Amino acid sequence: MQKLVKAYVPFLIYFLCAILAYFIAFYLLPKYNVPLAFLGLLVIYLYIYLFVFFIGFFMGRATVKRLGIHNFILYFIYAIISLFMMLFIGSLKDVFSHLYCKFPITLSFFFDALFDIDSLVVSVGTFVSFLVGEIIEHFHANK
């Protein structure tokens, strides 16, 4: 069990960094430094629509290297976990935006934010690229 958690640590660090980046871009920068908010939003949207695929790919490869077990079912479970974690991060974009505007946040709003196009791109993009990275690393390890 410890080996399974150890293999997933790089993705958990990436997960926390993504939450911090969303918090800074959608809450802190618009609240305290408006000129930098535009730059923060540019960086976040570049991440959402471009870098999430590269980062997910390399996180998948790193997970397989650290895991050392070659099992497709385990790869798929890790990819599903990453899908739900990134779906949560994608929904935080709207939550932090509403916190900035001082709107109330309800549970129904949070569930609506889960199916925002940006959160779906982040989660599905990470899922696919994470799984592809794991499979490619699996084939490189078996050579």
N, C-alpha and C. Protein backbone atom coordinates (compact mmCIF):
# COMPACT_ATOMS: atom_id res chain seq x y z
N MET A 1 0.82 -1.20 0.00
CA MET A 1 0.00 0.00 0.00
C MET A 1 0.86 1.26 0.00
N GLN A 2 1.97 1.21 0.76
CA GLN A 2 2.85 2.35 0.83
C GLN A 2 3.47 2.63 -0.54
N LYS A 3 3.77 1.58 -1.29
CA LYS A 3 4.34 1.75 -2.62
C LYS A 3 3.34 2.40 -3.57
N LEU A 4 2.06 2.07 -3.43
CA LEU A 4 1.04 2.66 -4.28
C LEU A 4 0.89 4.16 -4.01
N VAL A 5 0.95 4.54 -2.74
CA VAL A 5 0.85 5.96 -2.39
C VAL A 5 2.11 6.70 -2.82
N LYS A 6 3.27 6.07 -2.63
CA LYS A 6 4.54 6.69 -3.01
C LYS A 6 4.60 6.96 -4.51
N ALA A 7 4.02 6.08 -5.29
CA ALA A 7 4.03 6.27 -6.74
C ALA A 7 3.17 7.46 -7.15
N TYR A 8 2.17 7.78 -6.36
CA TYR A 8 1.23 8.83 -6.72
C TYR A 8 1.59 10.19 -6.13
N VAL A 9 2.65 10.27 -5.34
CA VAL A 9 3.05 11.52 -4.68
C VAL A 9 3.34 12.65 -5.67
N PRO A 10 4.03 12.44 -6.80
CA PRO A 10 4.24 13.56 -7.73
C PRO A 10 2.93 14.16 -8.24
N PHE A 11 1.94 13.31 -8.49
CA PHE A 11 0.66 13.84 -8.94
C PHE A 11 -0.05 14.61 -7.83
N LEU A 12 0.09 14.17 -6.60
CA LEU A 12 -0.52 14.89 -5.48
C LEU A 12 0.12 16.27 -5.29
N ILE A 13 1.43 16.35 -5.48
CA ILE A 13 2.11 17.64 -5.41
C ILE A 13 1.63 18.55 -6.53
N TYR A 14 1.50 17.99 -7.73
CA TYR A 14 0.97 18.74 -8.87
C TYR A 14 -0.45 19.20 -8.58
N PHE A 15 -1.26 18.35 -7.96
CA PHE A 15 -2.64 18.67 -7.60
C PHE A 15 -2.68 19.88 -6.67
N LEU A 16 -1.85 19.89 -5.65
CA LEU A 16 -1.82 21.01 -4.71
C LEU A 16 -1.31 22.29 -5.36
N CYS A 17 -0.33 22.17 -6.25
CA CYS A 17 0.16 23.35 -6.97
C CYS A 17 -0.91 23.92 -7.89
N ALA A 18 -1.70 23.06 -8.51
CA ALA A 18 -2.78 23.53 -9.38
C ALA A 18 -3.85 24.25 -8.57
N ILE A 19 -4.18 23.73 -7.39
CA ILE A 19 -5.15 24.42 -6.53
C ILE A 19 -4.63 25.79 -6.13
N LEU A 20 -3.36 25.87 -5.77
CA LEU A 20 -2.76 27.14 -5.40
C LEU A 20 -2.78 28.12 -6.57
N ALA A 21 -2.47 27.64 -7.77
CA ALA A 21 -2.48 28.50 -8.95
C ALA A 21 -3.89 29.02 -9.24
N TYR A 22 -4.89 28.17 -9.12
CA TYR A 22 -6.27 28.62 -9.32
C TYR A 22 -6.66 29.66 -8.27
N PHE A 23 -6.27 29.44 -7.03
CA PHE A 23 -6.59 30.39 -5.96
C PHE A 23 -5.94 31.74 -6.22
N ILE A 24 -4.69 31.72 -6.65
CA ILE A 24 -3.99 32.98 -6.93
C ILE A 24 -4.61 33.68 -8.13
N ALA A 25 -4.89 32.93 -9.21
CA ALA A 25 -5.38 33.56 -10.44
C ALA A 25 -6.82 34.02 -10.35
N PHE A 26 -7.66 33.31 -9.64
CA PHE A 26 -9.09 33.64 -9.64
C PHE A 26 -9.56 34.34 -8.37
N TYR A 27 -8.71 34.43 -7.35
CA TYR A 27 -9.13 35.12 -6.13
C TYR A 27 -8.15 36.22 -5.71
N LEU A 28 -6.90 35.87 -5.50
CA LEU A 28 -5.96 36.85 -4.95
C LEU A 28 -5.58 37.95 -5.94
N LEU A 29 -5.21 37.58 -7.16
CA LEU A 29 -4.79 38.61 -8.12
C LEU A 29 -5.91 39.57 -8.48
N PRO A 30 -7.13 39.10 -8.78
CA PRO A 30 -8.18 40.09 -9.06
C PRO A 30 -8.52 40.98 -7.86
N LYS A 31 -8.33 40.45 -6.68
CA LYS A 31 -8.68 41.22 -5.48
C LYS A 31 -7.62 42.26 -5.13
N TYR A 32 -6.35 41.93 -5.29
CA TYR A 32 -5.30 42.80 -4.80
C TYR A 32 -4.42 43.42 -5.87
N ASN A 33 -4.40 42.88 -7.08
CA ASN A 33 -3.54 43.43 -8.12
C ASN A 33 -4.19 43.17 -9.48
N VAL A 34 -5.05 44.07 -9.89
CA VAL A 34 -5.84 43.87 -11.11
C VAL A 34 -4.97 43.77 -12.37
N PRO A 35 -3.92 44.59 -12.55
CA PRO A 35 -3.12 44.43 -13.77
C PRO A 35 -2.48 43.05 -13.90
N LEU A 36 -2.06 42.47 -12.78
CA LEU A 36 -1.49 41.13 -12.85
C LEU A 36 -2.55 40.05 -13.00
N ALA A 37 -3.79 40.38 -12.73
CA ALA A 37 -4.87 39.39 -12.86
C ALA A 37 -5.02 38.92 -14.30
N PHE A 38 -4.85 39.83 -15.25
CA PHE A 38 -4.96 39.43 -16.65
C PHE A 38 -3.85 38.46 -17.04
N LEU A 39 -2.65 38.71 -16.55
CA LEU A 39 -1.54 37.79 -16.79
C LEU A 39 -1.79 36.45 -16.12
N GLY A 40 -2.32 36.47 -14.91
CA GLY A 40 -2.65 35.23 -14.21
C GLY A 40 -3.71 34.42 -14.95
N LEU A 41 -4.73 35.10 -15.46
CA LEU A 41 -5.77 34.40 -16.23
C LEU A 41 -5.21 33.83 -17.52
N LEU A 42 -4.31 34.57 -18.17
CA LEU A 42 -3.67 34.07 -19.39
C LEU A 42 -2.89 32.79 -19.10
N VAL A 43 -2.13 32.80 -18.03
CA VAL A 43 -1.35 31.62 -17.67
C VAL A 43 -2.25 30.44 -17.33
N ILE A 44 -3.32 30.68 -16.59
CA ILE A 44 -4.24 29.60 -16.21
C ILE A 44 -4.94 29.03 -17.44
N TYR A 45 -5.39 29.88 -18.35
CA TYR A 45 -6.08 29.35 -19.52
C TYR A 45 -5.12 28.66 -20.49
N LEU A 46 -3.86 29.10 -20.55
CA LEU A 46 -2.87 28.34 -21.31
C LEU A 46 -2.67 26.97 -20.68
N TYR A 47 -2.64 26.93 -19.36
CA TYR A 47 -2.53 25.66 -18.66
C TYR A 47 -3.73 24.76 -18.96
N ILE A 48 -4.95 25.34 -18.90
CA ILE A 48 -6.16 24.54 -19.09
C ILE A 48 -6.20 23.93 -20.49
N TYR A 49 -5.90 24.72 -21.50
CA TYR A 49 -6.10 24.25 -22.86
C TYR A 49 -4.85 23.71 -23.54
N LEU A 50 -3.69 23.80 -22.90
CA LEU A 50 -2.48 23.32 -23.56
C LEU A 50 -1.61 22.47 -22.63
N PHE A 51 -1.20 23.01 -21.52
CA PHE A 51 -0.21 22.35 -20.69
C PHE A 51 -0.75 21.17 -19.90
N VAL A 52 -2.06 21.11 -19.69
CA VAL A 52 -2.62 20.01 -18.91
C VAL A 52 -2.34 18.67 -19.59
N PHE A 53 -2.27 18.66 -20.91
CA PHE A 53 -2.00 17.42 -21.64
C PHE A 53 -0.55 16.97 -21.45
N PHE A 54 0.38 17.92 -21.51
CA PHE A 54 1.78 17.58 -21.33
C PHE A 54 2.08 17.16 -19.89
N ILE A 55 1.54 17.91 -18.95
CA ILE A 55 1.79 17.60 -17.54
C ILE A 55 1.18 16.26 -17.17
N GLY A 56 -0.04 15.99 -17.65
CA GLY A 56 -0.68 14.70 -17.37
C GLY A 56 0.12 13.55 -17.95
N PHE A 57 0.65 13.73 -19.16
CA PHE A 57 1.46 12.70 -19.80
C PHE A 57 2.69 12.37 -18.96
N PHE A 58 3.41 13.40 -18.55
CA PHE A 58 4.63 13.16 -17.78
C PHE A 58 4.33 12.67 -16.36
N MET A 59 3.20 13.08 -15.80
CA MET A 59 2.81 12.55 -14.49
C MET A 59 2.46 11.06 -14.60
N GLY A 60 1.83 10.65 -15.68
CA GLY A 60 1.54 9.24 -15.90
C GLY A 60 2.80 8.41 -16.03
N ARG A 61 3.76 8.94 -16.77
CA ARG A 61 5.03 8.23 -16.92
C ARG A 61 5.77 8.14 -15.58
N ALA A 62 5.77 9.23 -14.82
CA ALA A 62 6.45 9.22 -13.53
C ALA A 62 5.79 8.26 -12.56
N THR A 63 4.47 8.15 -12.63
CA THR A 63 3.76 7.23 -11.74
C THR A 63 4.15 5.79 -12.02
N VAL A 64 4.23 5.43 -13.30
CA VAL A 64 4.60 4.05 -13.65
C VAL A 64 6.04 3.76 -13.25
N LYS A 65 6.94 4.73 -13.46
CA LYS A 65 8.33 4.52 -13.08
C LYS A 65 8.47 4.32 -11.57
N ARG A 66 7.74 5.11 -10.81
CA ARG A 66 7.83 5.00 -9.35
C ARG A 66 7.09 3.79 -8.82
N LEU A 67 6.08 3.32 -9.55
CA LEU A 67 5.29 2.19 -9.08
C LEU A 67 6.05 0.89 -9.23
N GLY A 68 6.58 0.65 -10.42
CA GLY A 68 7.34 -0.57 -10.65
C GLY A 68 6.48 -1.79 -10.90
N ILE A 69 5.18 -1.68 -10.80
CA ILE A 69 4.26 -2.79 -11.07
C ILE A 69 3.61 -2.52 -12.42
N HIS A 70 3.61 -3.53 -13.27
CA HIS A 70 3.03 -3.35 -14.61
C HIS A 70 1.69 -4.06 -14.67
N ASN A 71 0.64 -3.30 -14.42
CA ASN A 71 -0.70 -3.84 -14.38
C ASN A 71 -1.65 -2.79 -14.97
N PHE A 72 -2.32 -3.12 -16.07
CA PHE A 72 -3.18 -2.16 -16.74
C PHE A 72 -4.38 -1.74 -15.89
N ILE A 73 -4.88 -2.63 -15.07
CA ILE A 73 -6.02 -2.27 -14.22
C ILE A 73 -5.59 -1.22 -13.20
N LEU A 74 -4.40 -1.36 -12.66
CA LEU A 74 -3.89 -0.37 -11.72
C LEU A 74 -3.65 0.97 -12.42
N TYR A 75 -3.15 0.92 -13.66
CA TYR A 75 -2.97 2.15 -14.44
C TYR A 75 -4.31 2.86 -14.63
N PHE A 76 -5.33 2.09 -14.97
CA PHE A 76 -6.64 2.66 -15.21
C PHE A 76 -7.22 3.25 -13.92
N ILE A 77 -7.01 2.59 -12.80
CA ILE A 77 -7.50 3.12 -11.52
C ILE A 77 -6.81 4.44 -11.18
N TYR A 78 -5.49 4.51 -11.39
CA TYR A 78 -4.78 5.77 -11.17
C TYR A 78 -5.30 6.87 -12.09
N ALA A 79 -5.58 6.53 -13.34
CA ALA A 79 -6.09 7.53 -14.27
C ALA A 79 -7.49 8.00 -13.86
N ILE A 80 -8.32 7.09 -13.37
CA ILE A 80 -9.66 7.47 -12.90
C ILE A 80 -9.56 8.38 -11.67
N ILE A 81 -8.64 8.07 -10.77
CA ILE A 81 -8.43 8.93 -9.60
C ILE A 81 -8.00 10.32 -10.04
N SER A 82 -7.08 10.38 -11.02
CA SER A 82 -6.64 11.68 -11.52
C SER A 82 -7.78 12.43 -12.20
N LEU A 83 -8.68 11.71 -12.88
CA LEU A 83 -9.84 12.34 -13.51
C LEU A 83 -10.70 13.05 -12.47
N PHE A 84 -11.03 12.37 -11.38
CA PHE A 84 -11.89 12.98 -10.37
C PHE A 84 -11.18 14.10 -9.61
N MET A 85 -9.89 13.95 -9.38
CA MET A 85 -9.16 15.02 -8.70
C MET A 85 -9.11 16.27 -9.57
N MET A 86 -8.88 16.11 -10.85
CA MET A 86 -8.83 17.27 -11.74
C MET A 86 -10.21 17.85 -12.00
N LEU A 87 -11.24 17.03 -11.93
CA LEU A 87 -12.61 17.54 -12.03
C LEU A 87 -12.90 18.46 -10.83
N PHE A 88 -12.41 18.07 -9.67
CA PHE A 88 -12.54 18.91 -8.48
C PHE A 88 -11.80 20.23 -8.66
N ILE A 89 -10.58 20.17 -9.20
CA ILE A 89 -9.80 21.39 -9.42
C ILE A 89 -10.50 22.30 -10.42
N GLY A 90 -11.04 21.72 -11.48
CA GLY A 90 -11.74 22.52 -12.48
C GLY A 90 -12.94 23.24 -11.90
N SER A 91 -13.61 22.62 -10.96
CA SER A 91 -14.76 23.29 -10.35
C SER A 91 -14.33 24.41 -9.41
N LEU A 92 -13.11 24.35 -8.90
CA LEU A 92 -12.63 25.40 -8.01
C LEU A 92 -12.45 26.73 -8.73
N LYS A 93 -12.30 26.69 -10.04
CA LYS A 93 -12.19 27.94 -10.81
C LYS A 93 -13.41 28.81 -10.58
N ASP A 94 -14.59 28.24 -10.71
CA ASP A 94 -15.82 29.00 -10.50
C ASP A 94 -16.02 29.34 -9.02
N VAL A 95 -15.63 28.45 -8.15
CA VAL A 95 -15.78 28.71 -6.71
C VAL A 95 -14.93 29.91 -6.30
N PHE A 96 -13.67 29.96 -6.74
CA PHE A 96 -12.81 31.08 -6.39
C PHE A 96 -13.30 32.37 -7.04
N SER A 97 -13.84 32.30 -8.25
CA SER A 97 -14.39 33.49 -8.89
C SER A 97 -15.59 34.03 -8.10
N HIS A 98 -16.43 33.14 -7.62
CA HIS A 98 -17.59 33.57 -6.83
C HIS A 98 -17.17 34.09 -5.45
N LEU A 99 -16.13 33.53 -4.89
CA LEU A 99 -15.62 34.05 -3.62
C LEU A 99 -15.11 35.47 -3.80
N TYR A 100 -14.45 35.73 -4.93
CA TYR A 100 -13.95 37.07 -5.21
C TYR A 100 -15.11 38.07 -5.31
N CYS A 101 -16.20 37.66 -5.93
CA CYS A 101 -17.37 38.55 -6.09
C CYS A 101 -18.25 38.59 -4.86
N LYS A 102 -17.90 37.82 -3.84
CA LYS A 102 -18.66 37.73 -2.59
C LYS A 102 -20.07 37.19 -2.79
N PHE A 103 -20.21 36.29 -3.75
CA PHE A 103 -21.49 35.60 -3.95
C PHE A 103 -21.53 34.39 -3.02
N PRO A 104 -22.71 33.98 -2.61
CA PRO A 104 -22.79 32.77 -1.77
C PRO A 104 -22.51 31.51 -2.59
N ILE A 105 -21.88 30.56 -1.96
CA ILE A 105 -21.56 29.30 -2.63
C ILE A 105 -22.41 28.21 -2.00
N THR A 106 -23.17 27.54 -2.83
CA THR A 106 -24.01 26.45 -2.36
C THR A 106 -23.51 25.14 -2.94
N LEU A 107 -24.01 24.06 -2.42
CA LEU A 107 -23.61 22.75 -2.92
C LEU A 107 -24.07 22.55 -4.36
N SER A 108 -25.24 23.08 -4.71
CA SER A 108 -25.72 22.95 -6.09
C SER A 108 -24.84 23.74 -7.04
N PHE A 109 -24.34 24.90 -6.60
CA PHE A 109 -23.42 25.66 -7.44
C PHE A 109 -22.14 24.88 -7.68
N PHE A 110 -21.64 24.23 -6.63
CA PHE A 110 -20.42 23.45 -6.77
C PHE A 110 -20.62 22.32 -7.78
N PHE A 111 -21.76 21.64 -7.73
CA PHE A 111 -22.02 20.57 -8.69
C PHE A 111 -22.21 21.10 -10.10
N ASP A 112 -22.78 22.29 -10.24
CA ASP A 112 -22.88 22.91 -11.56
C ASP A 112 -21.49 23.26 -12.09
N ALA A 113 -20.61 23.70 -11.21
CA ALA A 113 -19.25 24.06 -11.61
C ALA A 113 -18.45 22.83 -12.03
N LEU A 114 -18.83 21.65 -11.57
CA LEU A 114 -18.13 20.44 -11.98
C LEU A 114 -18.23 20.19 -13.48
N PHE A 115 -19.33 20.61 -14.07
CA PHE A 115 -19.56 20.33 -15.48
C PHE A 115 -19.36 21.55 -16.37
N ASP A 116 -18.59 22.50 -15.89
CA ASP A 116 -18.16 23.63 -16.70
C ASP A 116 -17.20 23.11 -17.76
N ILE A 117 -17.17 23.76 -18.92
CA ILE A 117 -16.34 23.26 -20.03
C ILE A 117 -14.86 23.24 -19.65
N ASP A 118 -14.40 24.22 -18.89
CA ASP A 118 -12.99 24.25 -18.50
C ASP A 118 -12.64 23.10 -17.56
N SER A 119 -13.52 22.80 -16.63
CA SER A 119 -13.23 21.69 -15.72
C SER A 119 -13.29 20.36 -16.45
N LEU A 120 -14.16 20.24 -17.44
CA LEU A 120 -14.20 19.01 -18.23
C LEU A 120 -12.96 18.85 -19.09
N VAL A 121 -12.47 19.96 -19.67
CA VAL A 121 -11.24 19.89 -20.47
C VAL A 121 -10.06 19.49 -19.59
N VAL A 122 -9.97 20.08 -18.40
CA VAL A 122 -8.87 19.76 -17.49
C VAL A 122 -8.93 18.29 -17.06
N SER A 123 -10.11 17.83 -16.68
CA SER A 123 -10.21 16.47 -16.15
C SER A 123 -10.07 15.41 -17.23
N VAL A 124 -10.76 15.57 -18.35
CA VAL A 124 -10.66 14.57 -19.42
C VAL A 124 -9.28 14.62 -20.07
N GLY A 125 -8.73 15.82 -20.24
CA GLY A 125 -7.38 15.94 -20.80
C GLY A 125 -6.34 15.27 -19.92
N THR A 126 -6.46 15.46 -18.62
CA THR A 126 -5.53 14.81 -17.71
C THR A 126 -5.73 13.30 -17.71
N PHE A 127 -6.97 12.86 -17.73
CA PHE A 127 -7.26 11.42 -17.75
C PHE A 127 -6.64 10.76 -18.97
N VAL A 128 -6.89 11.32 -20.14
CA VAL A 128 -6.39 10.71 -21.38
C VAL A 128 -4.87 10.76 -21.43
N SER A 129 -4.29 11.93 -21.15
CA SER A 129 -2.84 12.04 -21.25
C SER A 129 -2.14 11.24 -20.15
N PHE A 130 -2.73 11.17 -18.97
CA PHE A 130 -2.17 10.37 -17.88
C PHE A 130 -2.16 8.89 -18.26
N LEU A 131 -3.27 8.42 -18.82
CA LEU A 131 -3.37 7.02 -19.24
C LEU A 131 -2.41 6.72 -20.38
N VAL A 132 -2.31 7.62 -21.35
CA VAL A 132 -1.38 7.42 -22.47
C VAL A 132 0.06 7.40 -21.96
N GLY A 133 0.40 8.31 -21.04
CA GLY A 133 1.74 8.32 -20.46
C GLY A 133 2.06 7.04 -19.72
N GLU A 134 1.08 6.51 -18.99
CA GLU A 134 1.29 5.24 -18.29
C GLU A 134 1.49 4.09 -19.26
N ILE A 135 0.70 4.04 -20.31
CA ILE A 135 0.82 2.94 -21.29
C ILE A 135 2.14 3.03 -22.04
N ILE A 136 2.55 4.21 -22.44
CA ILE A 136 3.82 4.36 -23.15
C ILE A 136 4.98 3.97 -22.24
N GLU A 137 4.94 4.38 -21.00
CA GLU A 137 6.01 4.00 -20.07
C GLU A 137 5.99 2.50 -19.81
N HIS A 138 4.82 1.89 -19.82
CA HIS A 138 4.72 0.44 -19.67
C HIS A 138 5.43 -0.26 -20.82
N PHE A 139 5.21 0.21 -22.04
CA PHE A 139 5.86 -0.42 -23.19
C PHE A 139 7.36 -0.14 -23.21
N HIS A 140 7.79 1.03 -22.74
CA HIS A 140 9.23 1.31 -22.66
C HIS A 140 9.90 0.43 -21.61
N ALA A 141 9.20 0.15 -20.53
CA ALA A 141 9.77 -0.69 -19.46
C ALA A 141 9.85 -2.15 -19.88
N ASN A 142 8.98 -2.58 -20.78
CA ASN A 142 8.97 -3.98 -21.20
C ASN A 142 9.90 -4.27 -22.36
N LYS A 143 10.58 -3.27 -22.90
CA LYS A 143 11.50 -3.51 -24.01
C LYS A 143 12.72 -4.27 -23.56
